[in-house]
Amino acid sequence: MVGGLAQRLRHEPVPRDTREAALWLSEHAGDGGRVLVDSPSLAALLSLTTRLPVLGPLAERGAPGRASDPSTFFATRPRVPEVDAYLLRYGISW
């Protein structure tokens, strides 16, 4: 099907920095822990092209995912035990 529907469903190329981040993570983050991602394009690329367990993007989830959203850490100065507990609770290594 040339043109028509196939042409309208075409996607933009993956941005270079997103490709590079995905490549680096796929080569280095294979220890079984989750990868916390706040970029929708990076999360989608990792989910589609690797076996890495991806957590995110979280800011767009709303109420059901609010507890797992780390954005409060960026707005405040959390203590190390709070951050450690968060990473352990959600199995995040990267």
N, C-alpha and C. Protein backbone atom coordinates (compact mmCIF):
# COMPACT_ATOMS: atom_id res chain seq x y z
N MET A 1 0.84 -1.16 0.00
CA MET A 1 0.00 0.00 0.00
C MET A 1 0.90 1.24 0.00
N VAL A 2 1.07 1.81 -1.13
CA VAL A 2 1.90 3.00 -1.26
C VAL A 2 1.01 4.22 -1.11
N GLY A 3 1.46 5.18 -0.31
CA GLY A 3 0.63 6.37 -0.07
C GLY A 3 -0.54 6.02 0.82
N GLY A 4 -1.62 6.74 0.71
CA GLY A 4 -2.84 6.45 1.47
C GLY A 4 -2.58 6.29 2.95
N LEU A 5 -3.16 5.24 3.51
CA LEU A 5 -3.09 4.99 4.95
C LEU A 5 -1.66 4.77 5.43
N ALA A 6 -0.89 4.02 4.67
CA ALA A 6 0.50 3.75 5.08
C ALA A 6 1.28 5.05 5.23
N GLN A 7 1.08 5.98 4.34
CA GLN A 7 1.78 7.27 4.41
C GLN A 7 1.35 8.07 5.64
N ARG A 8 0.08 8.04 5.98
CA ARG A 8 -0.41 8.81 7.14
C ARG A 8 0.03 8.21 8.46
N LEU A 9 0.35 6.92 8.51
CA LEU A 9 0.76 6.27 9.75
C LEU A 9 2.26 6.32 9.97
N ARG A 10 2.99 6.97 9.11
CA ARG A 10 4.43 7.04 9.24
C ARG A 10 4.83 7.80 10.49
N HIS A 11 5.87 7.35 11.15
CA HIS A 11 6.36 7.99 12.37
C HIS A 11 7.65 8.74 12.10
N GLU A 12 7.91 9.70 12.94
CA GLU A 12 9.17 10.43 12.87
C GLU A 12 10.30 9.51 13.33
N PRO A 13 11.52 9.73 12.86
CA PRO A 13 12.65 8.94 13.34
C PRO A 13 12.88 9.16 14.84
N VAL A 14 13.44 8.17 15.49
CA VAL A 14 13.76 8.28 16.91
C VAL A 14 14.89 9.30 17.06
N PRO A 15 14.75 10.27 17.98
CA PRO A 15 15.81 11.25 18.18
C PRO A 15 17.13 10.58 18.57
N ARG A 16 18.23 11.17 18.14
CA ARG A 16 19.56 10.58 18.36
C ARG A 16 19.85 10.35 19.85
N ASP A 17 19.54 11.34 20.70
CA ASP A 17 19.84 11.18 22.13
C ASP A 17 19.01 10.05 22.74
N THR A 18 17.80 9.85 22.26
CA THR A 18 16.96 8.75 22.75
C THR A 18 17.55 7.41 22.32
N ARG A 19 17.98 7.32 21.07
CA ARG A 19 18.62 6.08 20.58
C ARG A 19 19.88 5.77 21.38
N GLU A 20 20.69 6.80 21.63
CA GLU A 20 21.94 6.59 22.37
C GLU A 20 21.67 6.16 23.81
N ALA A 21 20.69 6.77 24.45
CA ALA A 21 20.34 6.37 25.82
C ALA A 21 19.83 4.94 25.85
N ALA A 22 19.00 4.57 24.89
CA ALA A 22 18.47 3.21 24.83
C ALA A 22 19.58 2.21 24.60
N LEU A 23 20.51 2.52 23.72
CA LEU A 23 21.64 1.63 23.45
C LEU A 23 22.50 1.46 24.70
N TRP A 24 22.81 2.57 25.37
CA TRP A 24 23.64 2.49 26.58
C TRP A 24 22.94 1.65 27.65
N LEU A 25 21.66 1.91 27.88
CA LEU A 25 20.93 1.15 28.90
C LEU A 25 20.85 -0.33 28.52
N SER A 26 20.63 -0.64 27.26
CA SER A 26 20.53 -2.04 26.86
C SER A 26 21.85 -2.77 27.06
N GLU A 27 22.97 -2.05 26.96
CA GLU A 27 24.29 -2.66 27.16
C GLU A 27 24.70 -2.73 28.62
N HIS A 28 24.17 -1.85 29.48
CA HIS A 28 24.66 -1.75 30.85
C HIS A 28 23.64 -2.09 31.94
N ALA A 29 22.38 -2.09 31.64
CA ALA A 29 21.36 -2.23 32.68
C ALA A 29 20.71 -3.61 32.66
N GLY A 30 21.47 -4.64 32.41
CA GLY A 30 20.89 -5.97 32.30
C GLY A 30 20.89 -6.77 33.58
N ASP A 31 20.97 -6.13 34.74
CA ASP A 31 21.06 -6.87 36.00
C ASP A 31 19.71 -7.29 36.57
N GLY A 32 18.63 -7.00 35.89
CA GLY A 32 17.32 -7.44 36.36
C GLY A 32 16.50 -6.39 37.07
N GLY A 33 17.11 -5.28 37.47
CA GLY A 33 16.34 -4.22 38.11
C GLY A 33 15.60 -3.38 37.09
N ARG A 34 14.58 -2.70 37.54
CA ARG A 34 13.80 -1.83 36.65
C ARG A 34 14.58 -0.58 36.28
N VAL A 35 14.21 -0.03 35.12
CA VAL A 35 14.78 1.22 34.64
C VAL A 35 13.69 2.28 34.80
N LEU A 36 13.97 3.29 35.60
CA LEU A 36 13.02 4.39 35.81
C LEU A 36 13.22 5.42 34.71
N VAL A 37 12.18 5.66 33.92
CA VAL A 37 12.26 6.54 32.76
C VAL A 37 11.12 7.55 32.81
N ASP A 38 11.44 8.82 32.56
CA ASP A 38 10.40 9.84 32.51
C ASP A 38 10.21 10.39 31.11
N SER A 39 10.82 9.75 30.13
CA SER A 39 10.67 10.16 28.73
C SER A 39 9.77 9.16 28.02
N PRO A 40 8.63 9.59 27.51
CA PRO A 40 7.74 8.65 26.80
C PRO A 40 8.42 7.97 25.63
N SER A 41 9.22 8.70 24.86
CA SER A 41 9.86 8.07 23.70
C SER A 41 10.91 7.06 24.11
N LEU A 42 11.68 7.34 25.16
CA LEU A 42 12.68 6.39 25.63
C LEU A 42 12.00 5.16 26.23
N ALA A 43 10.95 5.36 27.01
CA ALA A 43 10.22 4.23 27.58
C ALA A 43 9.66 3.32 26.49
N ALA A 44 9.08 3.92 25.45
CA ALA A 44 8.53 3.13 24.35
C ALA A 44 9.62 2.38 23.61
N LEU A 45 10.73 3.05 23.32
CA LEU A 45 11.82 2.40 22.59
C LEU A 45 12.40 1.25 23.40
N LEU A 46 12.64 1.45 24.69
CA LEU A 46 13.16 0.36 25.52
C LEU A 46 12.18 -0.80 25.61
N SER A 47 10.90 -0.49 25.74
CA SER A 47 9.89 -1.54 25.83
C SER A 47 9.79 -2.36 24.56
N LEU A 48 9.96 -1.71 23.42
CA LEU A 48 9.82 -2.39 22.14
C LEU A 48 11.08 -3.09 21.66
N THR A 49 12.25 -2.64 22.11
CA THR A 49 13.48 -3.17 21.54
C THR A 49 14.39 -3.91 22.53
N THR A 50 14.04 -3.93 23.80
CA THR A 50 14.88 -4.63 24.79
C THR A 50 14.01 -5.47 25.71
N ARG A 51 14.66 -6.22 26.55
CA ARG A 51 13.95 -7.00 27.57
C ARG A 51 13.99 -6.31 28.93
N LEU A 52 14.44 -5.07 28.96
CA LEU A 52 14.54 -4.34 30.22
C LEU A 52 13.16 -4.02 30.78
N PRO A 53 12.96 -4.24 32.08
CA PRO A 53 11.69 -3.84 32.69
C PRO A 53 11.69 -2.33 32.93
N VAL A 54 10.76 -1.65 32.30
CA VAL A 54 10.71 -0.19 32.32
C VAL A 54 9.58 0.29 33.23
N LEU A 55 9.88 1.24 34.08
CA LEU A 55 8.88 1.88 34.93
C LEU A 55 8.82 3.34 34.51
N GLY A 56 7.72 3.73 33.89
CA GLY A 56 7.56 5.11 33.48
C GLY A 56 6.99 5.21 32.08
N PRO A 57 6.70 6.39 31.59
CA PRO A 57 6.77 7.66 32.30
C PRO A 57 5.65 7.77 33.33
N LEU A 58 5.95 8.37 34.43
CA LEU A 58 5.03 8.39 35.56
C LEU A 58 4.20 9.65 35.69
N ALA A 59 4.71 10.77 35.25
CA ALA A 59 4.02 12.05 35.46
C ALA A 59 2.66 12.09 34.77
N GLU A 60 2.46 11.28 33.76
CA GLU A 60 1.21 11.31 33.00
C GLU A 60 0.20 10.28 33.45
N ARG A 61 0.48 9.49 34.44
CA ARG A 61 -0.40 8.39 34.82
C ARG A 61 -1.62 8.79 35.62
N GLY A 62 -1.50 9.80 36.44
CA GLY A 62 -2.64 10.18 37.26
C GLY A 62 -2.67 9.42 38.57
N ALA A 63 -3.84 9.33 39.16
CA ALA A 63 -4.01 8.78 40.51
C ALA A 63 -3.46 7.37 40.70
N PRO A 64 -3.72 6.39 39.81
CA PRO A 64 -3.25 5.03 40.07
C PRO A 64 -1.73 4.92 40.21
N GLY A 65 -0.97 5.75 39.49
CA GLY A 65 0.48 5.66 39.55
C GLY A 65 1.13 6.71 40.41
N ARG A 66 0.33 7.49 41.10
CA ARG A 66 0.87 8.62 41.86
C ARG A 66 1.89 8.19 42.92
N ALA A 67 1.65 7.08 43.58
CA ALA A 67 2.57 6.64 44.64
C ALA A 67 3.96 6.31 44.10
N SER A 68 4.03 5.87 42.86
CA SER A 68 5.32 5.50 42.28
C SER A 68 6.00 6.67 41.56
N ASP A 69 5.37 7.82 41.53
CA ASP A 69 5.93 8.98 40.84
C ASP A 69 7.02 9.62 41.70
N PRO A 70 8.26 9.67 41.19
CA PRO A 70 9.36 10.23 41.99
C PRO A 70 9.49 11.75 41.89
N SER A 71 8.57 12.43 41.25
CA SER A 71 8.73 13.87 41.04
C SER A 71 8.79 14.64 42.35
N THR A 72 8.22 14.11 43.41
CA THR A 72 8.31 14.81 44.70
C THR A 72 9.76 14.90 45.19
N PHE A 73 10.60 13.95 44.78
CA PHE A 73 12.01 14.01 45.15
C PHE A 73 12.70 15.21 44.53
N PHE A 74 12.23 15.63 43.36
CA PHE A 74 12.86 16.76 42.68
C PHE A 74 12.39 18.09 43.25
N ALA A 75 11.21 18.09 43.86
CA ALA A 75 10.65 19.31 44.43
C ALA A 75 11.12 19.55 45.86
N THR A 76 11.61 18.52 46.52
CA THR A 76 12.06 18.62 47.90
C THR A 76 13.48 18.08 48.01
N ARG A 77 14.00 18.11 49.18
CA ARG A 77 15.31 17.49 49.44
C ARG A 77 15.08 16.24 50.29
N PRO A 78 14.83 15.11 49.64
CA PRO A 78 14.54 13.90 50.41
C PRO A 78 15.79 13.39 51.12
N ARG A 79 15.55 12.68 52.18
CA ARG A 79 16.65 12.04 52.89
C ARG A 79 17.01 10.75 52.17
N VAL A 80 18.23 10.34 52.33
CA VAL A 80 18.73 9.12 51.67
C VAL A 80 17.86 7.91 52.00
N PRO A 81 17.44 7.71 53.26
CA PRO A 81 16.59 6.54 53.55
C PRO A 81 15.27 6.54 52.76
N GLU A 82 14.70 7.73 52.52
CA GLU A 82 13.46 7.81 51.74
C GLU A 82 13.69 7.38 50.30
N VAL A 83 14.80 7.83 49.72
CA VAL A 83 15.12 7.46 48.35
C VAL A 83 15.44 5.97 48.27
N ASP A 84 16.20 5.47 49.21
CA ASP A 84 16.52 4.04 49.25
C ASP A 84 15.25 3.19 49.34
N ALA A 85 14.32 3.61 50.18
CA ALA A 85 13.06 2.87 50.34
C ALA A 85 12.25 2.88 49.04
N TYR A 86 12.23 4.02 48.37
CA TYR A 86 11.52 4.12 47.09
C TYR A 86 12.13 3.17 46.06
N LEU A 87 13.46 3.21 45.91
CA LEU A 87 14.13 2.34 44.93
C LEU A 87 13.90 0.87 45.25
N LEU A 88 13.94 0.50 46.50
CA LEU A 88 13.72 -0.89 46.90
C LEU A 88 12.25 -1.30 46.66
N ARG A 89 11.32 -0.44 47.05
CA ARG A 89 9.89 -0.74 46.90
C ARG A 89 9.51 -1.04 45.45
N TYR A 90 10.07 -0.27 44.50
CA TYR A 90 9.70 -0.42 43.11
C TYR A 90 10.75 -1.18 42.29
N GLY A 91 11.76 -1.74 42.94
CA GLY A 91 12.74 -2.58 42.26
C GLY A 91 13.53 -1.84 41.19
N ILE A 92 13.90 -0.60 41.48
CA ILE A 92 14.60 0.23 40.50
C ILE A 92 16.09 0.14 40.73
N SER A 93 16.81 -0.17 39.65
CA SER A 93 18.26 -0.20 39.71
C SER A 93 18.90 0.87 38.84
N TRP A 94 18.15 1.36 37.87
CA TRP A 94 18.70 2.32 36.91
C TRP A 94 17.76 3.48 36.77
